[in-house]
Amino acid sequence: MAKKDLTVYFISSISVLLLAFFYALLASHFFPEGINLNFVERLWKRLMIPFPFIILGLIVYLFLLKNRCFSYTKDFEKIESHDWFFAIVPMIPIVRYVMA
């Protein structure tokens, strides 16, 4: 079992949320009246709510960890015969089109 470090993924997801928040905040000052302005105003107001909890959760979690990283351990999964069905199902419309 190999451990994967998920700290980078967590911090990058927080940075994407932060970037979306600042984009919506900035865009709400420059968009003209209309549906886009309503969208970005609601977006930055809704994104503002979870940020303190996410940042606080990240800080607490990092201080509780010994190695200061998120880790995920998963065994290697083998592909079984019934897994191929889910790969083939999206191809059915293409095959029908080619056959026609």
Protein backbone atom coordinates (compact mmCIF):
# COMPACT_ATOMS: atom_id res chain seq x y z
CA MET A 1 0.00 0.00 0.00
CA ALA A 2 1.44 3.31 -1.07
CA LYS A 3 0.47 6.53 0.66
CA LYS A 4 -0.46 9.51 -1.43
CA ASP A 5 0.06 13.04 -0.20
CA LEU A 6 -3.23 14.93 -0.63
CA THR A 7 -2.11 18.23 0.90
CA VAL A 8 -1.43 19.73 -2.51
CA TYR A 9 -4.89 18.79 -3.77
CA PHE A 10 -6.60 20.27 -0.72
CA ILE A 11 -4.64 23.52 -0.89
CA SER A 12 -5.20 23.81 -4.65
CA SER A 13 -8.94 23.34 -4.20
CA ILE A 14 -8.96 26.07 -1.57
CA SER A 15 -7.00 28.35 -3.91
CA VAL A 16 -9.50 27.72 -6.73
CA LEU A 17 -12.37 28.62 -4.40
CA LEU A 18 -10.49 31.74 -3.31
CA LEU A 19 -9.85 32.71 -6.92
CA ALA A 20 -13.53 32.22 -7.79
CA PHE A 21 -14.49 34.34 -4.78
CA PHE A 22 -12.24 37.24 -5.79
CA TYR A 23 -13.30 36.97 -9.43
CA ALA A 24 -16.96 37.19 -8.46
CA LEU A 25 -16.28 40.06 -6.07
CA LEU A 26 -14.35 42.00 -8.70
CA ALA A 27 -16.82 41.20 -11.48
CA SER A 28 -19.75 42.39 -9.37
CA HIS A 29 -18.31 45.92 -9.58
CA PHE A 30 -17.79 45.95 -13.35
CA PHE A 31 -20.72 44.02 -14.86
CA PRO A 32 -23.71 46.01 -16.13
CA GLU A 33 -27.17 45.39 -14.74
CA GLY A 34 -28.51 42.03 -15.78
CA ILE A 35 -28.46 38.34 -15.11
CA ASN A 36 -24.64 38.12 -15.04
CA LEU A 37 -24.47 40.75 -12.31
CA ASN A 38 -27.08 38.91 -10.27
CA PHE A 39 -25.14 35.65 -10.70
CA VAL A 40 -21.78 36.99 -9.54
CA GLU A 41 -23.31 38.91 -6.63
CA ARG A 42 -24.98 35.76 -5.35
CA LEU A 43 -21.83 33.74 -6.06
CA TRP A 44 -19.45 35.81 -3.94
CA LYS A 45 -21.95 36.05 -1.11
CA ARG A 46 -22.36 32.27 -1.09
CA LEU A 47 -18.64 31.58 -1.39
CA MET A 48 -17.91 33.90 1.54
CA ILE A 49 -19.77 31.63 3.99
CA PRO A 50 -17.60 28.47 3.90
CA PHE A 51 -14.17 30.17 3.75
CA PRO A 52 -13.66 30.73 7.49
CA PHE A 53 -14.65 27.14 8.22
CA ILE A 54 -12.43 25.71 5.48
CA ILE A 55 -9.40 27.74 6.57
CA LEU A 56 -9.97 26.94 10.23
CA GLY A 57 -10.42 23.26 9.42
CA LEU A 58 -7.20 23.23 7.40
CA ILE A 59 -5.22 24.85 10.21
CA VAL A 60 -6.59 22.51 12.87
CA TYR A 61 -6.04 19.44 10.71
CA LEU A 62 -2.47 20.39 9.86
CA PHE A 63 -1.61 20.92 13.53
CA LEU A 64 -3.14 17.59 14.52
CA LEU A 65 -1.12 15.64 11.97
CA LYS A 66 2.36 14.46 12.83
CA ASN A 67 3.78 14.63 9.32
CA ARG A 68 1.80 17.74 8.33
CA CYS A 69 0.18 16.23 5.25
CA PHE A 70 -3.05 14.56 4.25
CA SER A 71 -2.49 10.98 3.24
CA TYR A 72 -4.61 8.41 1.52
CA THR A 73 -3.78 4.73 1.32
CA LYS A 74 -5.42 2.54 -1.28
CA ASP A 75 -4.71 -0.93 -2.55
CA PHE A 76 -4.35 -1.61 -6.24
CA GLU A 77 -7.62 -2.77 -7.76
CA LYS A 78 -7.67 -5.29 -10.57
CA ILE A 79 -10.01 -4.81 -13.52
CA GLU A 80 -12.67 -7.49 -13.58
CA SER A 81 -14.77 -8.68 -16.49
CA HIS A 82 -17.94 -6.86 -15.45
CA ASP A 83 -16.05 -3.54 -15.31
CA TRP A 84 -15.66 -3.60 -19.08
CA PHE A 85 -19.45 -3.25 -19.42
CA PHE A 86 -19.31 0.30 -18.04
CA ALA A 87 -16.58 1.20 -20.52
CA ILE A 88 -18.52 -0.20 -23.47
CA VAL A 89 -21.98 1.26 -22.70
CA PRO A 90 -21.10 4.85 -23.76
CA MET A 91 -19.88 3.48 -27.09
CA ILE A 92 -23.26 1.97 -28.06
CA PRO A 93 -24.66 5.10 -29.80
CA ILE A 94 -21.42 5.49 -31.78
CA VAL A 95 -21.53 1.88 -32.92
CA ARG A 96 -25.20 2.25 -33.95
CA TYR A 97 -24.32 5.36 -35.96
CA VAL A 98 -21.43 3.63 -37.72
CA MET A 99 -23.58 0.60 -38.49
CA ALA A 100 -26.31 2.78 -39.99
